[in-house]
Amino acid sequence: MENYQKKVMRSVFTVKQKSFITPHYIRVVFEVTNEQLDLLANVKPGSNNKIYISPKGMNLIYFTNKESSVLPELLPVMRTYTTRSIDFEKKELSIDFVAHGDNGPASAWAQKAEAGDILGIAMKESIRDLVPQANEFLLIGDATALPVMGSILEQLPKDVHVKAVLEVHGKKDRINFTSQANVSIDWVYNKHPEKGSELAKFIKRVLLPDTKTKRFAFVAAEYSTVKTLRSYFKEEKGWDKSEFTASAYWKAGKSESESVTERREEKQD
């Protein structure tokens, strides 16, 4: 049990500031206490976390487990997000949210968040790199994947080549990423991602990294796009399973809890 506690941390964080870094992209910066600094010591930016949103009008987070006896109406809503960055000097933790109105509890929370508000966050310790070593990378993602894409680009060394194809709402939602790597980004615009995406079709017109290089593709997007691209790399192009990873971050028309089984099964195919 002691070993498990060292690998997982759960804590309540307080909002320090919030900003719209693009018209459809919100960055929420949380204060980090000295105690939380110790908990975050081995958390990798870009790794997944679980956020806990308290019921409306309640300023308390109940972290649940199998033994919980909390009334259902007091339980928080839980969603999976990405730890965008951790600044140990400034004592800040940042999480980015796609802003799409009240269509989803996390988006609704982020758009209304103010300094002093709280959010429960659970993270696993991880020192593993987000992607394996390679000479050429192909990064493919929709708006929900921008935080992890940003973290990957920041962590890649110089002398590697990166082709990124990223889907956002429009031109004003393009983000300037920082990277030592040689990066080229193609932006795909989609005002209604819940109605379908052209991302997979776009990728099929892209010149893929040559087999002579050590290559790796990282795919993170909506379920249908990920399923299509997984088949494309595996079946049509014959890529080895060690040369790519594909994760469905969401499924159109379904909440995270409703689609979790389907998304997990698709990844195991």
Protein backbone atom coordinates (compact mmCIF):
# COMPACT_ATOMS: atom_id res chain seq x y z
CA MET A 1 0.00 0.00 0.00
CA GLU A 2 2.87 2.37 0.79
CA ASN A 3 4.35 1.79 -2.65
CA TYR A 4 1.00 2.67 -4.29
CA GLN A 5 0.80 5.98 -2.38
CA LYS A 6 4.20 6.98 -3.74
CA LYS A 7 2.99 6.54 -7.31
CA VAL A 8 -0.28 8.48 -7.11
CA MET A 9 -0.97 11.92 -5.68
CA ARG A 10 -4.33 13.60 -5.18
CA SER A 11 -4.74 17.12 -3.92
CA VAL A 12 -6.99 20.17 -4.09
CA PHE A 13 -5.46 23.03 -6.07
CA THR A 14 -6.47 26.70 -6.03
CA VAL A 15 -6.79 28.76 -9.21
CA LYS A 16 -4.21 31.53 -9.41
CA GLN A 17 -5.15 32.95 -12.81
CA LYS A 18 -6.93 32.11 -16.05
CA SER A 19 -6.43 33.32 -19.59
CA PHE A 20 -7.76 32.68 -23.09
CA ILE A 21 -4.54 31.95 -24.98
CA THR A 22 -6.68 31.61 -28.15
CA PRO A 23 -10.42 32.20 -28.71
CA HIS A 24 -11.12 28.50 -28.03
CA TYR A 25 -8.34 27.63 -25.64
CA ILE A 26 -8.18 28.37 -21.92
CA ARG A 27 -5.12 28.05 -19.71
CA VAL A 28 -5.79 27.75 -15.98
CA VAL A 29 -2.80 28.27 -13.68
CA PHE A 30 -3.00 26.82 -10.18
CA GLU A 31 -1.07 27.75 -7.07
CA VAL A 32 1.20 25.01 -5.74
CA THR A 33 1.89 24.78 -2.00
CA ASN A 34 5.18 23.53 -0.58
CA GLU A 35 3.51 20.23 0.28
CA GLN A 36 2.21 19.91 -3.27
CA LEU A 37 5.68 20.65 -4.66
CA ASP A 38 6.88 17.44 -3.03
CA LEU A 39 3.94 15.51 -4.49
CA LEU A 40 4.71 16.84 -7.98
CA ALA A 41 8.44 16.12 -7.87
CA ASN A 42 8.19 13.12 -10.20
CA VAL A 43 5.19 14.12 -12.32
CA LYS A 44 6.00 14.50 -16.01
CA PRO A 45 4.45 17.47 -17.87
CA GLY A 46 2.35 16.08 -20.70
CA SER A 47 1.15 13.09 -18.69
CA ASN A 48 -2.54 12.46 -18.03
CA ASN A 49 -4.29 13.55 -14.88
CA LYS A 50 -7.78 13.25 -13.44
CA ILE A 51 -9.62 16.42 -12.53
CA TYR A 52 -12.45 16.48 -9.98
CA ILE A 53 -15.11 19.17 -10.43
CA SER A 54 -17.31 19.79 -7.41
CA PRO A 55 -21.10 20.18 -7.79
CA LYS A 56 -22.37 23.69 -8.51
CA GLY A 57 -22.31 25.92 -5.47
CA MET A 58 -20.05 23.60 -3.47
CA ASN A 59 -16.51 24.60 -2.51
CA LEU A 60 -15.34 21.17 -1.40
CA ILE A 61 -13.85 18.19 -3.23
CA TYR A 62 -14.61 14.63 -2.18
CA PHE A 63 -12.01 12.25 -3.58
CA THR A 64 -13.87 8.98 -3.97
CA ASN A 65 -12.80 5.37 -3.64
CA LYS A 66 -14.53 2.01 -3.21
CA GLU A 67 -15.07 2.65 0.48
CA SER A 68 -16.66 6.09 0.01
CA SER A 69 -20.05 6.69 1.59
CA VAL A 70 -20.54 10.22 0.23
CA LEU A 71 -24.02 11.12 -0.96
CA PRO A 72 -24.21 10.93 -4.79
CA GLU A 73 -25.23 14.59 -5.10
CA LEU A 74 -22.00 15.63 -3.36
CA LEU A 75 -19.67 13.64 -5.61
CA PRO A 76 -17.46 15.51 -8.07
CA VAL A 77 -17.50 14.98 -11.83
CA MET A 78 -14.26 13.38 -12.98
CA ARG A 79 -12.56 13.95 -16.34
CA THR A 80 -9.16 13.12 -17.87
CA TYR A 81 -6.87 15.98 -18.89
CA THR A 82 -3.19 16.71 -19.49
CA THR A 83 -0.72 18.26 -17.09
CA ARG A 84 0.48 21.05 -19.39
CA SER A 85 3.33 22.38 -17.26
CA ILE A 86 4.78 22.54 -13.77
CA ASP A 87 6.92 25.51 -12.72
CA PHE A 88 8.68 24.66 -9.48
CA GLU A 89 10.25 28.11 -9.11
CA LYS A 90 6.99 30.02 -9.53
CA LYS A 91 5.06 27.26 -7.74
CA GLU A 92 2.53 26.94 -10.55
CA LEU A 93 0.75 24.08 -12.32
CA SER A 94 -1.05 24.68 -15.62
CA ILE A 95 -3.85 22.80 -17.36
CA ASP A 96 -5.28 23.79 -20.75
CA PHE A 97 -8.96 23.41 -21.65
CA VAL A 98 -10.75 23.51 -24.99
CA ALA A 99 -13.51 26.10 -24.68
CA HIS A 100 -16.77 24.86 -26.16
CA GLY A 101 -19.37 26.55 -24.00
CA ASP A 102 -21.30 24.56 -21.43
CA ASN A 103 -21.07 21.46 -23.63
CA GLY A 104 -19.18 19.44 -21.05
CA PRO A 105 -18.50 19.96 -17.32
CA ALA A 106 -14.77 20.68 -17.71
CA SER A 107 -15.24 23.33 -20.38
CA ALA A 108 -18.05 24.91 -18.37
CA TRP A 109 -15.88 24.96 -15.25
CA ALA A 110 -12.87 26.46 -17.01
CA GLN A 111 -14.87 29.23 -18.67
CA LYS A 112 -16.33 30.32 -15.34
CA ALA A 113 -13.21 29.71 -13.23
CA GLU A 114 -11.86 32.61 -11.20
CA ALA A 115 -8.90 33.13 -8.91
CA GLY A 116 -9.60 31.38 -5.62
CA ASP A 117 -11.72 28.59 -7.13
CA ILE A 118 -10.65 25.01 -6.42
CA LEU A 119 -10.19 21.87 -8.47
CA GLY A 120 -9.25 18.39 -7.38
CA ILE A 121 -6.39 16.89 -9.39
CA ALA A 122 -4.95 13.38 -9.29
CA MET A 123 -1.66 12.52 -11.02
CA LYS A 124 0.60 9.52 -11.30
CA GLU A 125 4.33 9.77 -10.82
CA SER A 126 6.11 9.21 -14.11
CA ILE A 127 9.61 9.93 -15.34
CA ARG A 128 9.10 8.04 -18.60
CA ASP A 129 9.47 10.05 -21.79
CA LEU A 130 6.25 10.90 -23.62
CA VAL A 131 7.63 9.40 -26.84
CA PRO A 132 10.52 7.01 -27.53
CA GLN A 133 13.76 8.14 -29.14
CA ALA A 134 13.56 8.61 -32.90
CA ASN A 135 15.01 10.67 -35.74
CA GLU A 136 11.67 11.62 -37.28
CA PHE A 137 8.33 12.22 -35.59
CA LEU A 138 4.84 12.60 -36.97
CA LEU A 139 2.46 14.22 -34.47
CA ILE A 140 -1.26 14.10 -35.27
CA GLY A 141 -3.92 15.58 -33.05
CA ASP A 142 -7.08 17.62 -32.70
CA ALA A 143 -7.67 20.48 -30.25
CA THR A 144 -7.89 18.13 -27.25
CA ALA A 145 -4.34 16.94 -27.95
CA LEU A 146 -2.64 20.35 -28.10
CA PRO A 147 -1.43 20.22 -24.46
CA VAL A 148 0.39 16.91 -24.90
CA MET A 149 1.70 18.00 -28.30
CA GLY A 150 3.14 21.12 -26.73
CA SER A 151 4.78 19.08 -23.99
CA ILE A 152 6.26 16.61 -26.50
CA LEU A 153 7.71 19.42 -28.62
CA GLU A 154 9.21 21.12 -25.57
CA GLN A 155 10.89 17.90 -24.47
CA LEU A 156 12.33 16.79 -27.83
CA PRO A 157 16.06 17.40 -28.39
CA LYS A 158 17.59 19.30 -31.27
CA ASP A 159 18.58 17.49 -34.48
CA VAL A 160 15.31 15.55 -34.71
CA HIS A 161 12.72 16.32 -37.37
CA VAL A 162 9.04 16.74 -36.54
CA LYS A 163 6.04 16.95 -38.83
CA ALA A 164 2.91 17.94 -36.91
CA VAL A 165 -0.63 17.99 -38.28
CA LEU A 166 -2.96 19.68 -35.81
CA GLU A 167 -6.67 20.42 -36.05
CA VAL A 168 -8.14 23.53 -34.42
CA HIS A 169 -11.28 25.64 -34.78
CA GLY A 170 -9.73 28.36 -36.95
CA LYS A 171 -6.61 30.41 -37.75
CA LYS A 172 -6.80 32.40 -34.54
CA ASP A 173 -6.49 29.16 -32.54
CA ARG A 174 -3.01 28.36 -33.81
CA ILE A 175 -0.48 28.16 -30.99
CA ASN A 176 3.21 29.03 -31.12
CA PHE A 177 5.03 26.07 -29.59
CA THR A 178 8.58 26.07 -28.27
CA SER A 179 10.98 23.33 -29.34
CA GLN A 180 14.66 22.66 -29.96
CA ALA A 181 13.67 20.21 -32.70
CA ASN A 182 13.25 21.05 -36.37
CA VAL A 183 9.46 21.42 -36.47
CA SER A 184 7.01 21.88 -39.33
CA ILE A 185 3.30 22.26 -38.54
CA ASP A 186 0.30 21.93 -40.84
CA TRP A 187 -2.89 23.36 -39.37
CA VAL A 188 -6.28 21.86 -40.24
CA TYR A 189 -9.36 23.97 -39.46
CA ASN A 190 -12.62 22.50 -38.24
CA LYS A 191 -15.35 24.62 -36.65
CA HIS A 192 -17.51 21.60 -35.77
CA PRO A 193 -15.28 18.67 -34.69
CA GLU A 194 -18.22 16.90 -33.09
CA LYS A 195 -19.71 16.51 -36.58
CA GLY A 196 -16.62 14.83 -38.04
CA SER A 197 -13.01 15.51 -38.96
CA GLU A 198 -10.90 15.65 -42.12
CA LEU A 199 -7.74 14.92 -40.14
CA ALA A 200 -7.41 11.29 -41.26
CA LYS A 201 -7.94 12.23 -44.93
CA PHE A 202 -5.29 14.93 -44.62
CA ILE A 203 -2.76 12.48 -43.15
CA LYS A 204 -3.25 10.06 -46.01
CA ARG A 205 -1.91 12.78 -48.33
CA VAL A 206 1.15 13.46 -46.16
CA LEU A 207 4.54 11.99 -47.08
CA LEU A 208 5.35 9.67 -44.17
CA PRO A 209 8.82 9.28 -42.62
CA ASP A 210 11.00 6.84 -44.57
CA THR A 211 11.61 3.31 -43.30
CA LYS A 212 15.34 4.05 -43.36
CA THR A 213 14.95 6.42 -40.43
CA LYS A 214 14.02 5.69 -36.85
CA ARG A 215 10.48 7.00 -36.92
CA PHE A 216 7.56 7.40 -34.54
CA ALA A 217 3.99 8.65 -34.96
CA PHE A 218 1.91 9.96 -32.06
CA VAL A 219 -1.85 10.18 -32.68
CA ALA A 220 -4.38 11.68 -30.25
CA ALA A 221 -7.84 12.74 -31.39
CA GLU A 222 -11.49 11.74 -31.59
CA TYR A 223 -12.37 8.03 -31.63
CA SER A 224 -13.25 7.72 -35.34
CA THR A 225 -10.12 9.55 -36.48
CA VAL A 226 -7.90 7.45 -34.24
CA LYS A 227 -9.49 4.20 -35.36
CA THR A 228 -9.01 5.12 -39.02
CA LEU A 229 -5.39 6.18 -38.55
CA ARG A 230 -4.51 3.14 -36.44
CA SER A 231 -5.70 0.94 -39.31
CA TYR A 232 -3.88 3.14 -41.82
CA PHE A 233 -0.49 2.83 -40.13
CA LYS A 234 -0.88 -0.82 -39.17
CA GLU A 235 -2.73 -2.36 -42.12
CA GLU A 236 -2.13 -0.09 -45.11
CA LYS A 237 1.40 1.11 -44.38
CA GLY A 238 2.70 -1.87 -42.41
CA TRP A 239 4.19 0.12 -39.56
CA ASP A 240 5.35 -1.93 -36.60
CA LYS A 241 3.39 -1.39 -33.38
CA SER A 242 6.54 0.04 -31.79
CA GLU A 243 6.58 2.82 -34.39
CA PHE A 244 3.33 4.53 -33.42
CA THR A 245 0.79 5.04 -30.69
CA ALA A 246 -2.82 6.14 -31.14
CA SER A 247 -5.17 7.23 -28.36
CA ALA A 248 -8.80 8.30 -28.59
CA TYR A 249 -9.20 11.24 -26.21
CA TRP A 250 -12.96 11.49 -26.77
CA LYS A 251 -15.86 10.12 -28.78
CA ALA A 252 -18.37 12.34 -30.55
CA GLY A 253 -21.83 12.25 -29.01
CA LYS A 254 -20.72 10.55 -25.79
CA SER A 255 -19.30 11.70 -22.47
CA GLU A 256 -15.95 10.43 -21.23
CA SER A 257 -17.56 7.93 -18.85
CA GLU A 258 -19.92 6.67 -21.57
CA SER A 259 -17.13 6.08 -24.10
CA VAL A 260 -14.28 4.87 -21.89
CA THR A 261 -14.82 1.16 -22.61
CA GLU A 262 -15.01 1.63 -26.38
CA ARG A 263 -11.93 3.83 -26.44
CA ARG A 264 -9.96 1.36 -24.33
CA GLU A 265 -10.98 -1.60 -26.50
CA GLU A 266 -10.09 0.27 -29.70
CA LYS A 267 -6.58 0.92 -28.42
CA GLN A 268 -6.10 -2.78 -27.72
CA ASP A 269 -7.06 -3.88 -31.24
